[in-house]
Amino acid sequence: MSQRPQPGTRLRVRVQPKASRNQVVGYRGDTLRLRVTAPPEGGQANEAVVTLLAQTLDIAKSRIEIVRGHASRDKMVVVWLAPEEVRRRLEAEAG
């Protein structure tokens, strides 16, 4: 059984599935907006969210977990990376 070295950074995420491309749109208030090309069926959009965040943050997919909202556009995602580093990397991508 593995233990995480620190509690993760919690992100509120709003996902637009079946978009024309995968994209980090940026923050609207305290919610990170993402677009993914995958449909919201069979967990495809959730997998696309994890993949997009992993690529954007330059971390392994295993360091990202959707903890709430698996069947919703509004999700809570935990990222095992320092909060200020998450924000910096996401803003650099969206900006």
PDB file of N, CA and C in Angstrom:
ATOM      1  N   MET A   1       0.843  -1.182   0.000  1.00  0.00           N
ATOM      2  CA  MET A   1       0.000   0.000   0.000  1.00  0.00           C
ATOM      3  C   MET A   1       0.884   1.239   0.000  1.00  0.00           C
ATOM      4  N   SER A   2       0.708   2.089  -1.003  1.00  0.00           N
ATOM      5  CA  SER A   2       1.534   3.285  -1.090  1.00  0.00           C
ATOM      6  C   SER A   2       0.852   4.453  -0.388  1.00  0.00           C
ATOM      7  N   GLN A   3       1.672   5.343   0.137  1.00  0.00           N
ATOM      8  CA  GLN A   3       1.150   6.546   0.772  1.00  0.00           C
ATOM      9  C   GLN A   3       1.645   7.752   0.002  1.00  0.00           C
ATOM     10  N   ARG A   4       0.781   8.742  -0.106  1.00  0.00           N
ATOM     11  CA  ARG A   4       1.158   9.978  -0.770  1.00  0.00           C
ATOM     12  C   ARG A   4       2.005  10.802   0.189  1.00  0.00           C
ATOM     13  N   PRO A   5       3.037  11.482  -0.309  1.00  0.00           N
ATOM     14  CA  PRO A   5       3.916  12.243   0.564  1.00  0.00           C
ATOM     15  C   PRO A   5       3.248  13.473   1.179  1.00  0.00           C
ATOM     16  N   GLN A   6       2.196  13.962   0.594  1.00  0.00           N
ATOM     17  CA  GLN A   6       1.519  15.166   1.077  1.00  0.00           C
ATOM     18  C   GLN A   6       0.073  15.114   0.613  1.00  0.00           C
ATOM     19  N   PRO A   7      -0.796  15.843   1.301  1.00  0.00           N
ATOM     20  CA  PRO A   7      -2.147  15.924   0.748  1.00  0.00           C
ATOM     21  C   PRO A   7      -2.067  16.639  -0.592  1.00  0.00           C
ATOM     22  N   GLY A   8      -2.935  16.308  -1.477  1.00  0.00           N
ATOM     23  CA  GLY A   8      -2.865  16.897  -2.807  1.00  0.00           C
ATOM     24  C   GLY A   8      -3.452  18.287  -2.873  1.00  0.00           C
ATOM     25  N   THR A   9      -3.243  18.920  -4.002  1.00  0.00           N
ATOM     26  CA  THR A   9      -3.879  20.186  -4.320  1.00  0.00           C
ATOM     27  C   THR A   9      -5.235  19.867  -4.915  1.00  0.00           C
ATOM     28  N   ARG A  10      -6.286  20.418  -4.325  1.00  0.00           N
ATOM     29  CA  ARG A  10      -7.636  20.165  -4.813  1.00  0.00           C
ATOM     30  C   ARG A  10      -8.005  21.224  -5.843  1.00  0.00           C
ATOM     31  N   LEU A  11      -8.495  20.767  -6.993  1.00  0.00           N
ATOM     32  CA  LEU A  11      -8.909  21.663  -8.070  1.00  0.00           C
ATOM     33  C   LEU A  11     -10.379  21.443  -8.387  1.00  0.00           C
ATOM     34  N   ARG A  12     -11.137  22.526  -8.456  1.00  0.00           N
ATOM     35  CA  ARG A  12     -12.494  22.456  -9.004  1.00  0.00           C
ATOM     36  C   ARG A  12     -12.325  22.562 -10.508  1.00  0.00           C
ATOM     37  N   VAL A  13     -12.913  21.624 -11.226  1.00  0.00           N
ATOM     38  CA  VAL A  13     -12.750  21.573 -12.675  1.00  0.00           C
ATOM     39  C   VAL A  13     -14.120  21.502 -13.332  1.00  0.00           C
ATOM     40  N   ARG A  14     -14.300  22.286 -14.386  1.00  0.00           N
ATOM     41  CA  ARG A  14     -15.514  22.229 -15.224  1.00  0.00           C
ATOM     42  C   ARG A  14     -15.055  21.751 -16.592  1.00  0.00           C
ATOM     43  N   VAL A  15     -15.646  20.667 -17.067  1.00  0.00           N
ATOM     44  CA  VAL A  15     -15.204  20.019 -18.303  1.00  0.00           C
ATOM     45  C   VAL A  15     -16.244  20.185 -19.402  1.00  0.00           C
ATOM     46  N   GLN A  16     -15.767  20.531 -20.591  1.00  0.00           N
ATOM     47  CA  GLN A  16     -16.615  20.539 -21.781  1.00  0.00           C
ATOM     48  C   GLN A  16     -16.186  19.347 -22.637  1.00  0.00           C
ATOM     49  N   PRO A  17     -16.973  18.252 -22.614  1.00  0.00           N
ATOM     50  CA  PRO A  17     -16.617  17.093 -23.446  1.00  0.00           C
ATOM     51  C   PRO A  17     -16.990  17.335 -24.904  1.00  0.00           C
ATOM     52  N   LYS A  18     -16.489  16.469 -25.778  1.00  0.00           N
ATOM     53  CA  LYS A  18     -16.758  16.527 -27.220  1.00  0.00           C
ATOM     54  C   LYS A  18     -16.418  17.889 -27.822  1.00  0.00           C
ATOM     55  N   ALA A  19     -15.352  18.503 -27.326  1.00  0.00           N
ATOM     56  CA  ALA A  19     -14.882  19.781 -27.870  1.00  0.00           C
ATOM     57  C   ALA A  19     -14.068  19.512 -29.138  1.00  0.00           C
ATOM     58  N   SER A  20     -13.722  20.563 -29.844  1.00  0.00           N
ATOM     59  CA  SER A  20     -12.960  20.396 -31.077  1.00  0.00           C
ATOM     60  C   SER A  20     -11.492  20.056 -30.812  1.00  0.00           C
ATOM     61  N   ARG A  21     -11.001  20.378 -29.600  1.00  0.00           N
ATOM     62  CA  ARG A  21      -9.621  20.024 -29.238  1.00  0.00           C
ATOM     63  C   ARG A  21      -9.480  19.978 -27.721  1.00  0.00           C
ATOM     64  N   ASN A  22      -8.428  19.318 -27.268  1.00  0.00           N
ATOM     65  CA  ASN A  22      -8.113  19.280 -25.844  1.00  0.00           C
ATOM     66  C   ASN A  22      -7.428  20.589 -25.481  1.00  0.00           C
ATOM     67  N   GLN A  23      -7.928  21.241 -24.427  1.00  0.00           N
ATOM     68  CA  GLN A  23      -7.409  22.569 -24.112  1.00  0.00           C
ATOM     69  C   GLN A  23      -7.671  22.926 -22.657  1.00  0.00           C
ATOM     70  N   VAL A  24      -6.665  23.550 -22.032  1.00  0.00           N
ATOM     71  CA  VAL A  24      -6.852  24.189 -20.734  1.00  0.00           C
ATOM     72  C   VAL A  24      -7.299  25.607 -21.048  1.00  0.00           C
ATOM     73  N   VAL A  25      -8.541  25.929 -20.716  1.00  0.00           N
ATOM     74  CA  VAL A  25      -9.089  27.254 -21.028  1.00  0.00           C
ATOM     75  C   VAL A  25      -8.587  28.279 -20.026  1.00  0.00           C
ATOM     76  N   GLY A  26      -8.528  27.894 -18.751  1.00  0.00           N
ATOM     77  CA  GLY A  26      -8.064  28.788 -17.698  1.00  0.00           C
ATOM     78  C   GLY A  26      -9.072  28.835 -16.567  1.00  0.00           C
ATOM     79  N   TYR A  27      -8.794  29.695 -15.621  1.00  0.00           N
ATOM     80  CA  TYR A  27      -9.660  29.804 -14.446  1.00  0.00           C
ATOM     81  C   TYR A  27     -10.789  30.791 -14.692  1.00  0.00           C
ATOM     82  N   ARG A  28     -11.964  30.426 -14.221  1.00  0.00           N
ATOM     83  CA  ARG A  28     -13.093  31.355 -14.109  1.00  0.00           C
ATOM     84  C   ARG A  28     -13.455  31.298 -12.634  1.00  0.00           C
ATOM     85  N   GLY A  29     -13.107  32.338 -11.902  1.00  0.00           N
ATOM     86  CA  GLY A  29     -13.246  32.302 -10.452  1.00  0.00           C
ATOM     87  C   GLY A  29     -12.272  31.279  -9.901  1.00  0.00           C
ATOM     88  N   ASP A  30     -12.774  30.357  -9.098  1.00  0.00           N
ATOM     89  CA  ASP A  30     -11.899  29.324  -8.537  1.00  0.00           C
ATOM     90  C   ASP A  30     -12.049  27.991  -9.265  1.00  0.00           C
ATOM     91  N   THR A  31     -12.662  28.014 -10.446  1.00  0.00           N
ATOM     92  CA  THR A  31     -12.887  26.784 -11.214  1.00  0.00           C
ATOM     93  C   THR A  31     -12.024  26.782 -12.471  1.00  0.00           C
ATOM     94  N   LEU A  32     -11.273  25.700 -12.653  1.00  0.00           N
ATOM     95  CA  LEU A  32     -10.456  25.523 -13.850  1.00  0.00           C
ATOM     96  C   LEU A  32     -11.332  24.949 -14.949  1.00  0.00           C
ATOM     97  N   ARG A  33     -11.316  25.574 -16.101  1.00  0.00           N
ATOM     98  CA  ARG A  33     -12.146  25.117 -17.224  1.00  0.00           C
ATOM     99  C   ARG A  33     -11.262  24.377 -18.231  1.00  0.00           C
ATOM    100  N   LEU A  34     -11.744  23.195 -18.620  1.00  0.00           N
ATOM    101  CA  LEU A  34     -11.036  22.350 -19.580  1.00  0.00           C
ATOM    102  C   LEU A  34     -11.963  21.972 -20.721  1.00  0.00           C
ATOM    103  N   ARG A  35     -11.386  21.749 -21.890  1.00  0.00           N
ATOM    104  CA  ARG A  35     -12.115  21.174 -23.025  1.00  0.00           C
ATOM    105  C   ARG A  35     -11.406  19.890 -23.417  1.00  0.00           C
ATOM    106  N   VAL A  36     -12.195  18.855 -23.642  1.00  0.00           N
ATOM    107  CA  VAL A  36     -11.620  17.583 -24.106  1.00  0.00           C
ATOM    108  C   VAL A  36     -12.434  17.076 -25.290  1.00  0.00           C
ATOM    109  N   THR A  37     -11.765  16.378 -26.188  1.00  0.00           N
ATOM    110  CA  THR A  37     -12.433  15.876 -27.392  1.00  0.00           C
ATOM    111  C   THR A  37     -13.235  14.616 -27.115  1.00  0.00           C
ATOM    112  N   ALA A  38     -12.924  13.929 -26.041  1.00  0.00           N
ATOM    113  CA  ALA A  38     -13.582  12.650 -25.726  1.00  0.00           C
ATOM    114  C   ALA A  38     -15.047  12.855 -25.340  1.00  0.00           C
ATOM    115  N   PRO A  39     -15.884  11.884 -25.671  1.00  0.00           N
ATOM    116  CA  PRO A  39     -17.289  11.951 -25.253  1.00  0.00           C
ATOM    117  C   PRO A  39     -17.425  11.557 -23.782  1.00  0.00           C
ATOM    118  N   PRO A  40     -18.518  11.966 -23.144  1.00  0.00           N
ATOM    119  CA  PRO A  40     -18.705  11.649 -21.728  1.00  0.00           C
ATOM    120  C   PRO A  40     -19.318  10.263 -21.512  1.00  0.00           C
ATOM    121  N   GLU A  41     -18.841   9.284 -22.218  1.00  0.00           N
ATOM    122  CA  GLU A  41     -19.368   7.921 -22.120  1.00  0.00           C
ATOM    123  C   GLU A  41     -18.249   6.968 -21.724  1.00  0.00           C
ATOM    124  N   GLY A  42     -18.570   6.058 -20.834  1.00  0.00           N
ATOM    125  CA  GLY A  42     -17.621   5.018 -20.466  1.00  0.00           C
ATOM    126  C   GLY A  42     -16.347   5.525 -19.823  1.00  0.00           C
ATOM    127  N   GLY A  43     -16.392   6.696 -19.211  1.00  0.00           N
ATOM    128  CA  GLY A  43     -15.211   7.241 -18.552  1.00  0.00           C
ATOM    129  C   GLY A  43     -14.188   7.850 -19.486  1.00  0.00           C
ATOM    130  N   GLN A  44     -14.538   7.972 -20.773  1.00  0.00           N
ATOM    131  CA  GLN A  44     -13.577   8.503 -21.753  1.00  0.00           C
ATOM    132  C   GLN A  44     -13.197   9.952 -21.466  1.00  0.00           C
ATOM    133  N   ALA A  45     -14.174  10.778 -21.109  1.00  0.00           N
ATOM    134  CA  ALA A  45     -13.879  12.180 -20.816  1.00  0.00           C
ATOM    135  C   ALA A  45     -13.037  12.293 -19.549  1.00  0.00           C
ATOM    136  N   ASN A  46     -13.317  11.466 -18.545  1.00  0.00           N
ATOM    137  CA  ASN A  46     -12.518  11.490 -17.321  1.00  0.00           C
ATOM    138  C   ASN A  46     -11.071  11.130 -17.610  1.00  0.00           C
ATOM    139  N   GLU A  47     -10.859  10.114 -18.422  1.00  0.00           N
ATOM    140  CA  GLU A  47      -9.497   9.724 -18.792  1.00  0.00           C
ATOM    141  C   GLU A  47      -8.810  10.856 -19.562  1.00  0.00           C
ATOM    142  N   ALA A  48      -9.556  11.531 -20.425  1.00  0.00           N
ATOM    143  CA  ALA A  48      -8.997  12.657 -21.186  1.00  0.00           C
ATOM    144  C   ALA A  48      -8.624  13.812 -20.259  1.00  0.00           C
ATOM    145  N   VAL A  49      -9.425  14.044 -19.222  1.00  0.00           N
ATOM    146  CA  VAL A  49      -9.119  15.100 -18.248  1.00  0.00           C
ATOM    147  C   VAL A  49      -7.806  14.790 -17.536  1.00  0.00           C
ATOM    148  N   VAL A  50      -7.667  13.552 -17.071  1.00  0.00           N
ATOM    149  CA  VAL A  50      -6.442  13.158 -16.368  1.00  0.00           C
ATOM    150  C   VAL A  50      -5.233  13.272 -17.299  1.00  0.00           C
ATOM    151  N   THR A  51      -5.384  12.818 -18.530  1.00  0.00           N
ATOM    152  CA  THR A  51      -4.287  12.891 -19.502  1.00  0.00           C
ATOM    153  C   THR A  51      -3.906  14.336 -19.800  1.00  0.00           C
ATOM    154  N   LEU A  52      -4.898  15.189 -20.042  1.00  0.00           N
ATOM    155  CA  LEU A  52      -4.630  16.604 -20.338  1.00  0.00           C
ATOM    156  C   LEU A  52      -3.932  17.287 -19.171  1.00  0.00           C
ATOM    157  N   LEU A  53      -4.416  17.062 -17.954  1.00  0.00           N
ATOM    158  CA  LEU A  53      -3.778  17.680 -16.792  1.00  0.00           C
ATOM    159  C   LEU A  53      -2.361  17.163 -16.590  1.00  0.00           C
ATOM    160  N   ALA A  54      -2.151  15.869 -16.785  1.00  0.00           N
ATOM    161  CA  ALA A  54      -0.808  15.297 -16.628  1.00  0.00           C
ATOM    162  C   ALA A  54       0.167  15.908 -17.635  1.00  0.00           C
ATOM    163  N   GLN A  55      -0.272  16.034 -18.878  1.00  0.00           N
ATOM    164  CA  GLN A  55       0.590  16.628 -19.904  1.00  0.00           C
ATOM    165  C   GLN A  55       0.868  18.098 -19.598  1.00  0.00           C
ATOM    166  N   THR A  56      -0.165  18.825 -19.214  1.00  0.00           N
ATOM    167  CA  THR A  56      -0.030  20.255 -18.941  1.00  0.00           C
ATOM    168  C   THR A  56       0.871  20.510 -17.740  1.00  0.00           C
ATOM    169  N   LEU A  57       0.699  19.714 -16.691  1.00  0.00           N
ATOM    170  CA  LEU A  57       1.474  19.895 -15.462  1.00  0.00           C
ATOM    171  C   LEU A  57       2.824  19.192 -15.513  1.00  0.00           C
ATOM    172  N   ASP A  58       3.052  18.387 -16.565  1.00  0.00           N
ATOM    173  CA  ASP A  58       4.294  17.639 -16.737  1.00  0.00           C
ATOM    174  C   ASP A  58       4.544  16.699 -15.557  1.00  0.00           C
ATOM    175  N   ILE A  59       3.498  15.931 -15.213  1.00  0.00           N
ATOM    176  CA  ILE A  59       3.600  14.943 -14.149  1.00  0.00           C
ATOM    177  C   ILE A  59       2.958  13.638 -14.632  1.00  0.00           C
ATOM    178  N   ALA A  60       3.181  12.569 -13.894  1.00  0.00           N
ATOM    179  CA  ALA A  60       2.593  11.275 -14.237  1.00  0.00           C
ATOM    180  C   ALA A  60       1.090  11.284 -13.986  1.00  0.00           C
ATOM    181  N   LYS A  61       0.345  10.555 -14.810  1.00  0.00           N
ATOM    182  CA  LYS A  61      -1.106  10.457 -14.626  1.00  0.00           C
ATOM    183  C   LYS A  61      -1.453   9.870 -13.261  1.00  0.00           C
ATOM    184  N   SER A  62      -0.571   9.061 -12.711  1.00  0.00           N
ATOM    185  CA  SER A  62      -0.832   8.456 -11.397  1.00  0.00           C
ATOM    186  C   SER A  62      -0.836   9.481 -10.269  1.00  0.00           C
ATOM    187  N   ARG A  63      -0.365  10.693 -10.538  1.00  0.00           N
ATOM    188  CA  ARG A  63      -0.351  11.759  -9.529  1.00  0.00           C
ATOM    189  C   ARG A  63      -1.590  12.645  -9.617  1.00  0.00           C
ATOM    190  N   ILE A  64      -2.582  12.215 -10.400  1.00  0.00           N
ATOM    191  CA  ILE A  64      -3.839  12.953 -10.561  1.00  0.00           C
ATOM    192  C   ILE A  64      -4.987  11.991 -10.308  1.00  0.00           C
ATOM    193  N   GLU A  65      -5.964  12.455  -9.546  1.00  0.00           N
ATOM    194  CA  GLU A  65      -7.109  11.600  -9.233  1.00  0.00           C
ATOM    195  C   GLU A  65      -8.393  12.423  -9.217  1.00  0.00           C
ATOM    196  N   ILE A  66      -9.401  11.946  -9.931  1.00  0.00           N
ATOM    197  CA  ILE A  66     -10.724  12.555  -9.848  1.00  0.00           C
ATOM    198  C   ILE A  66     -11.389  11.958  -8.616  1.00  0.00           C
ATOM    199  N   VAL A  67     -11.721  12.818  -7.651  1.00  0.00           N
ATOM    200  CA  VAL A  67     -12.271  12.314  -6.392  1.00  0.00           C
ATOM    201  C   VAL A  67     -13.775  12.546  -6.266  1.00  0.00           C
ATOM    202  N   ARG A  68     -14.320  13.409  -7.108  1.00  0.00           N
ATOM    203  CA  ARG A  68     -15.767  13.654  -7.084  1.00  0.00           C
ATOM    204  C   ARG A  68     -16.205  14.133  -8.458  1.00  0.00           C
ATOM    205  N   GLY A  69     -17.429  13.742  -8.847  1.00  0.00           N
ATOM    206  CA  GLY A  69     -17.985  14.221 -10.103  1.00  0.00           C
ATOM    207  C   GLY A  69     -17.668  13.366 -11.306  1.00  0.00           C
ATOM    208  N   HIS A  70     -17.487  12.077 -11.103  1.00  0.00           N
ATOM    209  CA  HIS A  70     -17.141  11.197 -12.221  1.00  0.00           C
ATOM    210  C   HIS A  70     -18.175  11.224 -13.343  1.00  0.00           C
ATOM    211  N   ALA A  71     -19.435  11.462 -13.024  1.00  0.00           N
ATOM    212  CA  ALA A  71     -20.502  11.473 -14.030  1.00  0.00           C
ATOM    213  C   ALA A  71     -21.020  12.891 -14.277  1.00  0.00           C
ATOM    214  N   SER A  72     -20.238  13.889 -13.916  1.00  0.00           N
ATOM    215  CA  SER A  72     -20.666  15.285 -14.026  1.00  0.00           C
ATOM    216  C   SER A  72     -19.608  16.104 -14.752  1.00  0.00           C
ATOM    217  N   ARG A  73     -20.026  17.236 -15.303  1.00  0.00           N
ATOM    218  CA  ARG A  73     -19.053  18.160 -15.888  1.00  0.00           C
ATOM    219  C   ARG A  73     -18.231  18.851 -14.807  1.00  0.00           C
ATOM    220  N   ASP A  74     -18.829  18.990 -13.624  1.00  0.00           N
ATOM    221  CA  ASP A  74     -18.144  19.618 -12.495  1.00  0.00           C
ATOM    222  C   ASP A  74     -17.476  18.541 -11.654  1.00  0.00           C
ATOM    223  N   LYS A  75     -16.161  18.639 -11.525  1.00  0.00           N
ATOM    224  CA  LYS A  75     -15.379  17.604 -10.856  1.00  0.00           C
ATOM    225  C   LYS A  75     -14.480  18.211  -9.788  1.00  0.00           C
ATOM    226  N   MET A  76     -14.087  17.371  -8.854  1.00  0.00           N
ATOM    227  CA  MET A  76     -13.036  17.722  -7.907  1.00  0.00           C
ATOM    228  C   MET A  76     -11.870  16.801  -8.233  1.00  0.00           C
ATOM    229  N   VAL A  77     -10.733  17.401  -8.513  1.00  0.00           N
ATOM    230  CA  VAL A  77      -9.546  16.655  -8.901  1.00  0.00           C
ATOM    231  C   VAL A  77      -8.450  16.943  -7.886  1.00  0.00           C
ATOM    232  N   VAL A  78      -7.745  15.912  -7.477  1.00  0.00           N
ATOM    233  CA  VAL A  78      -6.594  16.085  -6.591  1.00  0.00           C
ATOM    234  C   VAL A  78      -5.332  15.837  -7.404  1.00  0.00           C
ATOM    235  N   VAL A  79      -4.393  16.769  -7.270  1.00  0.00           N
ATOM    236  CA  VAL A  79      -3.103  16.678  -7.950  1.00  0.00           C
ATOM    237  C   VAL A  79      -2.029  16.668  -6.875  1.00  0.00           C
ATOM    238  N   TRP A  80      -1.144  15.677  -6.913  1.00  0.00           N
ATOM    239  CA  TRP A  80      -0.074  15.618  -5.926  1.00  0.00           C
ATOM    240  C   TRP A  80       1.118  16.438  -6.424  1.00  0.00           C
ATOM    241  N   LEU A  81       0.959  17.759  -6.205  1.00  0.00           N
ATOM    242  CA  LEU A  81       1.944  18.772  -6.575  1.00  0.00           C
ATOM    243  C   LEU A  81       1.598  19.993  -5.735  1.00  0.00           C
ATOM    244  N   ALA A  82       2.577  20.783  -5.377  1.00  0.00           N
ATOM    245  CA  ALA A  82       2.341  21.958  -4.532  1.00  0.00           C
ATOM    246  C   ALA A  82       1.341  22.903  -5.198  1.00  0.00           C
ATOM    247  N   PRO A  83       0.421  23.485  -4.410  1.00  0.00           N
ATOM    248  CA  PRO A  83      -0.625  24.354  -4.978  1.00  0.00           C
ATOM    249  C   PRO A  83      -0.086  25.499  -5.830  1.00  0.00           C
ATOM    250  N   GLU A  84       0.966  26.153  -5.362  1.00  0.00           N
ATOM    251  CA  GLU A  84       1.503  27.279  -6.137  1.00  0.00           C
ATOM    252  C   GLU A  84       2.122  26.814  -7.452  1.00  0.00           C
ATOM    253  N   GLU A  85       2.682  25.596  -7.463  1.00  0.00           N
ATOM    254  CA  GLU A  85       3.263  25.057  -8.692  1.00  0.00           C
ATOM    255  C   GLU A  85       2.164  24.655  -9.677  1.00  0.00           C
ATOM    256  N   VAL A  86       1.078  24.088  -9.178  1.00  0.00           N
ATOM    257  CA  VAL A  86      -0.062  23.746 -10.025  1.00  0.00           C
ATOM    258  C   VAL A  86      -0.585  25.002 -10.703  1.00  0.00           C
ATOM    259  N   ARG A  87      -0.830  26.039  -9.918  1.00  0.00           N
ATOM    260  CA  ARG A  87      -1.384  27.295 -10.449  1.00  0.00           C
ATOM    261  C   ARG A  87      -0.435  27.907 -11.490  1.00  0.00           C
ATOM    262  N   ARG A  88       0.864  27.923 -11.180  1.00  0.00           N
ATOM    263  CA  ARG A  88       1.852  28.512 -12.106  1.00  0.00           C
ATOM    264  C   ARG A  88       1.872  27.776 -13.439  1.00  0.00           C
ATOM    265  N   ARG A  89       1.896  26.454 -13.386  1.00  0.00           N
ATOM    266  CA  ARG A  89       1.971  25.665 -14.620  1.00  0.00           C
ATOM    267  C   ARG A  89       0.680  25.788 -15.439  1.00  0.00           C
ATOM    268  N   LEU A  90      -0.466  25.794 -14.764  1.00  0.00           N
ATOM    269  CA  LEU A  90      -1.745  25.918 -15.483  1.00  0.00           C
ATOM    270  C   LEU A  90      -1.898  27.297 -16.109  1.00  0.00           C
ATOM    271  N   GLU A  91      -1.526  28.338 -15.386  1.00  0.00           N
ATOM    272  CA  GLU A  91      -1.645  29.691 -15.919  1.00  0.00           C
ATOM    273  C   GLU A  91      -0.689  29.907 -17.083  1.00  0.00           C
ATOM    274  N   ALA A  92       0.476  29.289 -17.045  1.00  0.00           N
ATOM    275  CA  ALA A  92       1.428  29.399 -18.152  1.00  0.00           C
ATOM    276  C   ALA A  92       0.840  28.755 -19.409  1.00  0.00           C
ATOM    277  N   GLU A  93       0.142  27.639 -19.235  1.00  0.00           N
ATOM    278  CA  GLU A  93      -0.473  26.941 -20.366  1.00  0.00           C
ATOM    279  C   GLU A  93      -1.669  27.723 -20.925  1.00  0.00           C
ATOM    280  N   ALA A  94      -2.530  28.214 -20.040  1.00  0.00           N
ATOM    281  CA  ALA A  94      -3.749  28.891 -20.469  1.00  0.00           C
ATOM    282  C   ALA A  94      -3.463  30.302 -20.964  1.00  0.00           C
ATOM    283  N   GLY A  95      -2.427  30.901 -20.444  1.00  0.00           N
ATOM    284  CA  GLY A  95      -2.126  32.296 -20.760  1.00  0.00           C
ATOM    285  C   GLY A  95      -1.563  32.455 -22.098  1.00  0.00           C
TER     286      GLY A  95
END
